[in-house]
Amino acid sequence: MPKLHLAAPTKVANAGPSLPCTKHEDILTPGNHLRFRVGPETLSGVVDAVMADKSCFWIWADGGMGRRLIAAGDVAAIEAATAQ
């Protein structure tokens, strides 16, 4: 399992249509491997696509869980994983 580094603590609940911290825009890029929390669920996967307004993004979830659409306003915390 790759070692994860916390990008920056982020409070995203009720933040509106986009990630509130511009520091996350550079890690919310197709091809990046991320780990984040959505409600009680911790997810990880590779970013596949990002909406132009950063309101949501698609990931290929780890563990064979398929492609998932994630609303940025539902994300409680986000981390960028280092390369293996």
PDB file of N, CA and C in Angstrom:
ATOM      1  N   MET A   1       0.855  -1.177   0.000  1.00  0.00           N
ATOM      2  CA  MET A   1       0.000   0.000   0.000  1.00  0.00           C
ATOM      3  C   MET A   1       0.900   1.240   0.000  1.00  0.00           C
ATOM      4  N   PRO A   2       0.595   2.240  -0.853  1.00  0.00           N
ATOM      5  CA  PRO A   2       1.447   3.419  -0.916  1.00  0.00           C
ATOM      6  C   PRO A   2       1.332   4.257   0.347  1.00  0.00           C
ATOM      7  N   LYS A   3       2.429   4.902   0.680  1.00  0.00           N
ATOM      8  CA  LYS A   3       2.435   5.805   1.819  1.00  0.00           C
ATOM      9  C   LYS A   3       1.688   7.071   1.441  1.00  0.00           C
ATOM     10  N   LEU A   4       0.797   7.538   2.299  1.00  0.00           N
ATOM     11  CA  LEU A   4      -0.015   8.714   1.999  1.00  0.00           C
ATOM     12  C   LEU A   4       0.509   9.923   2.744  1.00  0.00           C
ATOM     13  N   HIS A   5       0.431  11.058   2.100  1.00  0.00           N
ATOM     14  CA  HIS A   5       0.823  12.319   2.707  1.00  0.00           C
ATOM     15  C   HIS A   5      -0.380  13.240   2.723  1.00  0.00           C
ATOM     16  N   LEU A   6      -0.657  13.841   3.844  1.00  0.00           N
ATOM     17  CA  LEU A   6      -1.768  14.761   3.964  1.00  0.00           C
ATOM     18  C   LEU A   6      -1.427  16.036   3.220  1.00  0.00           C
ATOM     19  N   ALA A   7      -2.250  16.401   2.248  1.00  0.00           N
ATOM     20  CA  ALA A   7      -1.999  17.602   1.452  1.00  0.00           C
ATOM     21  C   ALA A   7      -2.223  18.848   2.289  1.00  0.00           C
ATOM     22  N   ALA A   8      -3.348  18.931   2.941  1.00  0.00           N
ATOM     23  CA  ALA A   8      -3.688  20.036   3.837  1.00  0.00           C
ATOM     24  C   ALA A   8      -5.045  19.717   4.429  1.00  0.00           C
ATOM     25  N   PRO A   9      -5.264  19.994   5.708  1.00  0.00           N
ATOM     26  CA  PRO A   9      -6.593  19.769   6.263  1.00  0.00           C
ATOM     27  C   PRO A   9      -7.594  20.669   5.548  1.00  0.00           C
ATOM     28  N   THR A  10      -8.718  20.099   5.218  1.00  0.00           N
ATOM     29  CA  THR A  10      -9.713  20.863   4.474  1.00  0.00           C
ATOM     30  C   THR A  10     -11.092  20.624   5.061  1.00  0.00           C
ATOM     31  N   LYS A  11     -11.820  21.663   5.255  1.00  0.00           N
ATOM     32  CA  LYS A  11     -13.216  21.550   5.654  1.00  0.00           C
ATOM     33  C   LYS A  11     -14.037  21.818   4.407  1.00  0.00           C
ATOM     34  N   VAL A  12     -14.688  20.768   3.891  1.00  0.00           N
ATOM     35  CA  VAL A  12     -15.383  20.894   2.625  1.00  0.00           C
ATOM     36  C   VAL A  12     -16.896  20.826   2.788  1.00  0.00           C
ATOM     37  N   ALA A  13     -17.372  20.310   3.910  1.00  0.00           N
ATOM     38  CA  ALA A  13     -18.813  20.178   4.112  1.00  0.00           C
ATOM     39  C   ALA A  13     -19.485  21.529   3.949  1.00  0.00           C
ATOM     40  N   ASN A  14     -20.539  21.558   3.170  1.00  0.00           N
ATOM     41  CA  ASN A  14     -21.308  22.771   2.879  1.00  0.00           C
ATOM     42  C   ASN A  14     -20.455  23.870   2.266  1.00  0.00           C
ATOM     43  N   ALA A  15     -19.458  23.469   1.487  1.00  0.00           N
ATOM     44  CA  ALA A  15     -18.544  24.450   0.902  1.00  0.00           C
ATOM     45  C   ALA A  15     -19.008  24.950  -0.455  1.00  0.00           C
ATOM     46  N   GLY A  16     -20.095  24.440  -0.971  1.00  0.00           N
ATOM     47  CA  GLY A  16     -20.550  24.898  -2.270  1.00  0.00           C
ATOM     48  C   GLY A  16     -20.076  23.991  -3.387  1.00  0.00           C
ATOM     49  N   PRO A  17     -20.070  24.521  -4.604  1.00  0.00           N
ATOM     50  CA  PRO A  17     -19.846  23.673  -5.762  1.00  0.00           C
ATOM     51  C   PRO A  17     -18.405  23.307  -6.063  1.00  0.00           C
ATOM     52  N   SER A  18     -17.433  23.801  -5.326  1.00  0.00           N
ATOM     53  CA  SER A  18     -16.057  23.450  -5.653  1.00  0.00           C
ATOM     54  C   SER A  18     -15.229  23.274  -4.393  1.00  0.00           C
ATOM     55  N   LEU A  19     -14.069  22.625  -4.546  1.00  0.00           N
ATOM     56  CA  LEU A  19     -13.173  22.483  -3.414  1.00  0.00           C
ATOM     57  C   LEU A  19     -12.749  23.873  -2.966  1.00  0.00           C
ATOM     58  N   PRO A  20     -12.823  24.193  -1.686  1.00  0.00           N
ATOM     59  CA  PRO A  20     -12.612  25.556  -1.223  1.00  0.00           C
ATOM     60  C   PRO A  20     -11.163  26.007  -1.210  1.00  0.00           C
ATOM     61  N   CYS A  21     -10.241  25.093  -1.259  1.00  0.00           N
ATOM     62  CA  CYS A  21      -8.830  25.446  -1.121  1.00  0.00           C
ATOM     63  C   CYS A  21      -8.131  25.277  -2.464  1.00  0.00           C
ATOM     64  N   THR A  22      -7.572  26.346  -3.004  1.00  0.00           N
ATOM     65  CA  THR A  22      -6.919  26.255  -4.302  1.00  0.00           C
ATOM     66  C   THR A  22      -5.715  25.332  -4.274  1.00  0.00           C
ATOM     67  N   LYS A  23      -5.161  25.039  -3.101  1.00  0.00           N
ATOM     68  CA  LYS A  23      -4.038  24.108  -3.002  1.00  0.00           C
ATOM     69  C   LYS A  23      -4.443  22.716  -3.477  1.00  0.00           C
ATOM     70  N   HIS A  24      -5.724  22.361  -3.381  1.00  0.00           N
ATOM     71  CA  HIS A  24      -6.179  21.046  -3.815  1.00  0.00           C
ATOM     72  C   HIS A  24      -6.337  20.969  -5.322  1.00  0.00           C
ATOM     73  N   GLU A  25      -6.417  22.109  -6.003  1.00  0.00           N
ATOM     74  CA  GLU A  25      -6.613  22.075  -7.439  1.00  0.00           C
ATOM     75  C   GLU A  25      -5.458  21.381  -8.144  1.00  0.00           C
ATOM     76  N   ASP A  26      -4.239  21.505  -7.619  1.00  0.00           N
ATOM     77  CA  ASP A  26      -3.106  20.862  -8.268  1.00  0.00           C
ATOM     78  C   ASP A  26      -3.078  19.353  -8.029  1.00  0.00           C
ATOM     79  N   ILE A  27      -3.717  18.837  -6.980  1.00  0.00           N
ATOM     80  CA  ILE A  27      -3.765  17.384  -6.793  1.00  0.00           C
ATOM     81  C   ILE A  27      -5.027  16.783  -7.392  1.00  0.00           C
ATOM     82  N   LEU A  28      -6.041  17.588  -7.643  1.00  0.00           N
ATOM     83  CA  LEU A  28      -7.269  17.104  -8.269  1.00  0.00           C
ATOM     84  C   LEU A  28      -7.087  17.191  -9.785  1.00  0.00           C
ATOM     85  N   THR A  29      -6.199  16.312 -10.272  1.00  0.00           N
ATOM     86  CA  THR A  29      -5.794  16.300 -11.673  1.00  0.00           C
ATOM     87  C   THR A  29      -5.864  14.870 -12.193  1.00  0.00           C
ATOM     88  N   PRO A  30      -6.388  14.658 -13.398  1.00  0.00           N
ATOM     89  CA  PRO A  30      -6.431  13.297 -13.943  1.00  0.00           C
ATOM     90  C   PRO A  30      -5.062  12.615 -13.873  1.00  0.00           C
ATOM     91  N   GLY A  31      -5.084  11.361 -13.435  1.00  0.00           N
ATOM     92  CA  GLY A  31      -3.873  10.575 -13.300  1.00  0.00           C
ATOM     93  C   GLY A  31      -3.322  10.525 -11.886  1.00  0.00           C
ATOM     94  N   ASN A  32      -3.711  11.459 -11.042  1.00  0.00           N
ATOM     95  CA  ASN A  32      -3.241  11.465  -9.649  1.00  0.00           C
ATOM     96  C   ASN A  32      -3.980  10.415  -8.831  1.00  0.00           C
ATOM     97  N   HIS A  33      -3.258   9.760  -7.939  1.00  0.00           N
ATOM     98  CA  HIS A  33      -3.859   8.785  -7.030  1.00  0.00           C
ATOM     99  C   HIS A  33      -4.185   9.508  -5.729  1.00  0.00           C
ATOM    100  N   LEU A  34      -5.454   9.464  -5.311  1.00  0.00           N
ATOM    101  CA  LEU A  34      -5.920  10.180  -4.133  1.00  0.00           C
ATOM    102  C   LEU A  34      -6.559   9.242  -3.132  1.00  0.00           C
ATOM    103  N   ARG A  35      -6.593   9.701  -1.894  1.00  0.00           N
ATOM    104  CA  ARG A  35      -7.348   9.040  -0.825  1.00  0.00           C
ATOM    105  C   ARG A  35      -8.159  10.137  -0.152  1.00  0.00           C
ATOM    106  N   PHE A  36      -9.452   9.885   0.082  1.00  0.00           N
ATOM    107  CA  PHE A  36     -10.310  10.922   0.651  1.00  0.00           C
ATOM    108  C   PHE A  36     -11.475  10.291   1.381  1.00  0.00           C
ATOM    109  N   ARG A  37     -12.162  11.112   2.158  1.00  0.00           N
ATOM    110  CA  ARG A  37     -13.319  10.669   2.938  1.00  0.00           C
ATOM    111  C   ARG A  37     -14.578  11.293   2.379  1.00  0.00           C
ATOM    112  N   VAL A  38     -15.583  10.455   2.176  1.00  0.00           N
ATOM    113  CA  VAL A  38     -16.917  10.895   1.762  1.00  0.00           C
ATOM    114  C   VAL A  38     -17.882  10.277   2.762  1.00  0.00           C
ATOM    115  N   GLY A  39     -18.416  11.111   3.658  1.00  0.00           N
ATOM    116  CA  GLY A  39     -19.269  10.595   4.728  1.00  0.00           C
ATOM    117  C   GLY A  39     -18.467   9.626   5.579  1.00  0.00           C
ATOM    118  N   PRO A  40     -19.020   8.438   5.868  1.00  0.00           N
ATOM    119  CA  PRO A  40     -18.294   7.472   6.698  1.00  0.00           C
ATOM    120  C   PRO A  40     -17.292   6.638   5.899  1.00  0.00           C
ATOM    121  N   GLU A  41     -17.277   6.806   4.603  1.00  0.00           N
ATOM    122  CA  GLU A  41     -16.478   5.976   3.701  1.00  0.00           C
ATOM    123  C   GLU A  41     -15.126   6.615   3.379  1.00  0.00           C
ATOM    124  N   THR A  42     -14.060   5.837   3.441  1.00  0.00           N
ATOM    125  CA  THR A  42     -12.748   6.284   2.982  1.00  0.00           C
ATOM    126  C   THR A  42     -12.500   5.621   1.639  1.00  0.00           C
ATOM    127  N   LEU A  43     -12.226   6.443   0.636  1.00  0.00           N
ATOM    128  CA  LEU A  43     -12.028   5.953  -0.722  1.00  0.00           C
ATOM    129  C   LEU A  43     -10.634   6.286  -1.205  1.00  0.00           C
ATOM    130  N   SER A  44     -10.157   5.505  -2.148  1.00  0.00           N
ATOM    131  CA  SER A  44      -8.914   5.830  -2.825  1.00  0.00           C
ATOM    132  C   SER A  44      -9.040   5.374  -4.267  1.00  0.00           C
ATOM    133  N   GLY A  45      -8.293   6.054  -5.122  1.00  0.00           N
ATOM    134  CA  GLY A  45      -8.319   5.697  -6.528  1.00  0.00           C
ATOM    135  C   GLY A  45      -7.613   6.749  -7.359  1.00  0.00           C
ATOM    136  N   VAL A  46      -7.632   6.525  -8.656  1.00  0.00           N
ATOM    137  CA  VAL A  46      -6.969   7.412  -9.602  1.00  0.00           C
ATOM    138  C   VAL A  46      -8.009   8.339 -10.226  1.00  0.00           C
ATOM    139  N   VAL A  47      -7.716   9.637 -10.209  1.00  0.00           N
ATOM    140  CA  VAL A  47      -8.618  10.624 -10.815  1.00  0.00           C
ATOM    141  C   VAL A  47      -8.675  10.366 -12.318  1.00  0.00           C
ATOM    142  N   ASP A  48      -9.884  10.236 -12.855  1.00  0.00           N
ATOM    143  CA  ASP A  48     -10.080   9.992 -14.278  1.00  0.00           C
ATOM    144  C   ASP A  48     -10.435  11.287 -15.007  1.00  0.00           C
ATOM    145  N   ALA A  49     -11.335  12.073 -14.419  1.00  0.00           N
ATOM    146  CA  ALA A  49     -11.780  13.319 -15.052  1.00  0.00           C
ATOM    147  C   ALA A  49     -12.290  14.267 -13.969  1.00  0.00           C
ATOM    148  N   VAL A  50     -12.205  15.560 -14.256  1.00  0.00           N
ATOM    149  CA  VAL A  50     -12.635  16.588 -13.314  1.00  0.00           C
ATOM    150  C   VAL A  50     -13.519  17.588 -14.080  1.00  0.00           C
ATOM    151  N   MET A  51     -14.668  17.943 -13.485  1.00  0.00           N
ATOM    152  CA  MET A  51     -15.523  18.961 -14.099  1.00  0.00           C
ATOM    153  C   MET A  51     -14.763  20.284 -14.154  1.00  0.00           C
ATOM    154  N   ALA A  52     -15.032  21.096 -15.148  1.00  0.00           N
ATOM    155  CA  ALA A  52     -14.335  22.376 -15.325  1.00  0.00           C
ATOM    156  C   ALA A  52     -14.459  23.273 -14.096  1.00  0.00           C
ATOM    157  N   ASP A  53     -15.611  23.223 -13.418  1.00  0.00           N
ATOM    158  CA  ASP A  53     -15.812  24.073 -12.235  1.00  0.00           C
ATOM    159  C   ASP A  53     -15.380  23.382 -10.944  1.00  0.00           C
ATOM    160  N   LYS A  54     -14.774  22.188 -11.058  1.00  0.00           N
ATOM    161  CA  LYS A  54     -14.289  21.402  -9.915  1.00  0.00           C
ATOM    162  C   LYS A  54     -15.410  20.989  -8.953  1.00  0.00           C
ATOM    163  N   SER A  55     -16.648  21.004  -9.417  1.00  0.00           N
ATOM    164  CA  SER A  55     -17.767  20.634  -8.549  1.00  0.00           C
ATOM    165  C   SER A  55     -17.843  19.134  -8.300  1.00  0.00           C
ATOM    166  N   CYS A  56     -17.315  18.333  -9.223  1.00  0.00           N
ATOM    167  CA  CYS A  56     -17.273  16.893  -9.030  1.00  0.00           C
ATOM    168  C   CYS A  56     -16.166  16.314  -9.898  1.00  0.00           C
ATOM    169  N   PHE A  57     -15.813  15.074  -9.589  1.00  0.00           N
ATOM    170  CA  PHE A  57     -14.758  14.404 -10.336  1.00  0.00           C
ATOM    171  C   PHE A  57     -15.018  12.909 -10.365  1.00  0.00           C
ATOM    172  N   TRP A  58     -14.454  12.236 -11.354  1.00  0.00           N
ATOM    173  CA  TRP A  58     -14.564  10.789 -11.497  1.00  0.00           C
ATOM    174  C   TRP A  58     -13.263  10.148 -11.045  1.00  0.00           C
ATOM    175  N   ILE A  59     -13.361   9.042 -10.332  1.00  0.00           N
ATOM    176  CA  ILE A  59     -12.166   8.262  -9.992  1.00  0.00           C
ATOM    177  C   ILE A  59     -12.389   6.817 -10.404  1.00  0.00           C
ATOM    178  N   TRP A  60     -11.273   6.142 -10.699  1.00  0.00           N
ATOM    179  CA  TRP A  60     -11.266   4.687 -10.817  1.00  0.00           C
ATOM    180  C   TRP A  60     -10.878   4.196  -9.438  1.00  0.00           C
ATOM    181  N   ALA A  61     -11.855   3.713  -8.706  1.00  0.00           N
ATOM    182  CA  ALA A  61     -11.649   3.316  -7.311  1.00  0.00           C
ATOM    183  C   ALA A  61     -10.743   2.088  -7.215  1.00  0.00           C
ATOM    184  N   ASP A  62      -9.880   2.104  -6.205  1.00  0.00           N
ATOM    185  CA  ASP A  62      -8.999   0.967  -5.935  1.00  0.00           C
ATOM    186  C   ASP A  62      -9.831  -0.243  -5.523  1.00  0.00           C
ATOM    187  N   GLY A  63      -9.245  -1.414  -5.666  1.00  0.00           N
ATOM    188  CA  GLY A  63      -9.891  -2.644  -5.227  1.00  0.00           C
ATOM    189  C   GLY A  63     -10.960  -3.154  -6.173  1.00  0.00           C
ATOM    190  N   GLY A  64     -10.916  -2.708  -7.435  1.00  0.00           N
ATOM    191  CA  GLY A  64     -11.888  -3.184  -8.417  1.00  0.00           C
ATOM    192  C   GLY A  64     -13.294  -2.663  -8.192  1.00  0.00           C
ATOM    193  N   MET A  65     -13.422  -1.517  -7.535  1.00  0.00           N
ATOM    194  CA  MET A  65     -14.738  -0.966  -7.214  1.00  0.00           C
ATOM    195  C   MET A  65     -15.330  -0.114  -8.338  1.00  0.00           C
ATOM    196  N   GLY A  66     -14.665  -0.046  -9.479  1.00  0.00           N
ATOM    197  CA  GLY A  66     -15.212   0.634 -10.646  1.00  0.00           C
ATOM    198  C   GLY A  66     -14.989   2.139 -10.647  1.00  0.00           C
ATOM    199  N   ARG A  67     -15.616   2.780 -11.611  1.00  0.00           N
ATOM    200  CA  ARG A  67     -15.505   4.227 -11.779  1.00  0.00           C
ATOM    201  C   ARG A  67     -16.617   4.889 -10.974  1.00  0.00           C
ATOM    202  N   ARG A  68     -16.254   5.912 -10.194  1.00  0.00           N
ATOM    203  CA  ARG A  68     -17.233   6.565  -9.319  1.00  0.00           C
ATOM    204  C   ARG A  68     -17.212   8.065  -9.503  1.00  0.00           C
ATOM    205  N   LEU A  69     -18.392   8.654  -9.467  1.00  0.00           N
ATOM    206  CA  LEU A  69     -18.529  10.104  -9.521  1.00  0.00           C
ATOM    207  C   LEU A  69     -18.588  10.615  -8.087  1.00  0.00           C
ATOM    208  N   ILE A  70     -17.736  11.583  -7.757  1.00  0.00           N
ATOM    209  CA  ILE A  70     -17.656  12.141  -6.416  1.00  0.00           C
ATOM    210  C   ILE A  70     -17.989  13.620  -6.480  1.00  0.00           C
ATOM    211  N   ALA A  71     -18.947  14.065  -5.678  1.00  0.00           N
ATOM    212  CA  ALA A  71     -19.277  15.490  -5.563  1.00  0.00           C
ATOM    213  C   ALA A  71     -18.282  16.123  -4.599  1.00  0.00           C
ATOM    214  N   ALA A  72     -17.580  17.161  -5.045  1.00  0.00           N
ATOM    215  CA  ALA A  72     -16.545  17.792  -4.219  1.00  0.00           C
ATOM    216  C   ALA A  72     -17.106  18.293  -2.890  1.00  0.00           C
ATOM    217  N   GLY A  73     -18.328  18.733  -2.866  1.00  0.00           N
ATOM    218  CA  GLY A  73     -18.947  19.219  -1.639  1.00  0.00           C
ATOM    219  C   GLY A  73     -19.167  18.135  -0.599  1.00  0.00           C
ATOM    220  N   ASP A  74     -19.076  16.861  -1.001  1.00  0.00           N
ATOM    221  CA  ASP A  74     -19.254  15.740  -0.079  1.00  0.00           C
ATOM    222  C   ASP A  74     -17.935  15.256   0.518  1.00  0.00           C
ATOM    223  N   VAL A  75     -16.819  15.778   0.025  1.00  0.00           N
ATOM    224  CA  VAL A  75     -15.501  15.316   0.455  1.00  0.00           C
ATOM    225  C   VAL A  75     -15.111  16.037   1.742  1.00  0.00           C
ATOM    226  N   ALA A  76     -14.792  15.244   2.792  1.00  0.00           N
ATOM    227  CA  ALA A  76     -14.420  15.814   4.092  1.00  0.00           C
ATOM    228  C   ALA A  76     -12.913  16.027   4.205  1.00  0.00           C
ATOM    229  N   ALA A  77     -12.104  15.215   3.564  1.00  0.00           N
ATOM    230  CA  ALA A  77     -10.647  15.347   3.625  1.00  0.00           C
ATOM    231  C   ALA A  77     -10.075  14.711   2.372  1.00  0.00           C
ATOM    232  N   ILE A  78      -8.923  15.181   1.935  1.00  0.00           N
ATOM    233  CA  ILE A  78      -8.311  14.661   0.714  1.00  0.00           C
ATOM    234  C   ILE A  78      -6.801  14.582   0.890  1.00  0.00           C
ATOM    235  N   GLU A  79      -6.208  13.489   0.370  1.00  0.00           N
ATOM    236  CA  GLU A  79      -4.768  13.272   0.454  1.00  0.00           C
ATOM    237  C   GLU A  79      -4.283  12.833  -0.913  1.00  0.00           C
ATOM    238  N   ALA A  80      -3.080  13.214  -1.262  1.00  0.00           N
ATOM    239  CA  ALA A  80      -2.444  12.711  -2.475  1.00  0.00           C
ATOM    240  C   ALA A  80      -1.503  11.585  -2.088  1.00  0.00           C
ATOM    241  N   ALA A  81      -1.600  10.479  -2.774  1.00  0.00           N
ATOM    242  CA  ALA A  81      -0.735   9.340  -2.482  1.00  0.00           C
ATOM    243  C   ALA A  81       0.564   9.481  -3.265  1.00  0.00           C
ATOM    244  N   THR A  82       1.646   9.020  -2.678  1.00  0.00           N
ATOM    245  CA  THR A  82       2.922   9.030  -3.380  1.00  0.00           C
ATOM    246  C   THR A  82       2.990   7.856  -4.330  1.00  0.00           C
ATOM    247  N   ALA A  83       3.871   7.928  -5.297  1.00  0.00           N
ATOM    248  CA  ALA A  83       4.045   6.833  -6.253  1.00  0.00           C
ATOM    249  C   ALA A  83       4.638   5.624  -5.535  1.00  0.00           C
ATOM    250  N   GLN A  84       4.269   4.436  -5.998  1.00  0.00           N
ATOM    251  CA  GLN A  84       4.774   3.205  -5.391  1.00  0.00           C
ATOM    252  C   GLN A  84       6.168   2.920  -5.864  1.00  0.00           C
TER     253      GLN A  84
END
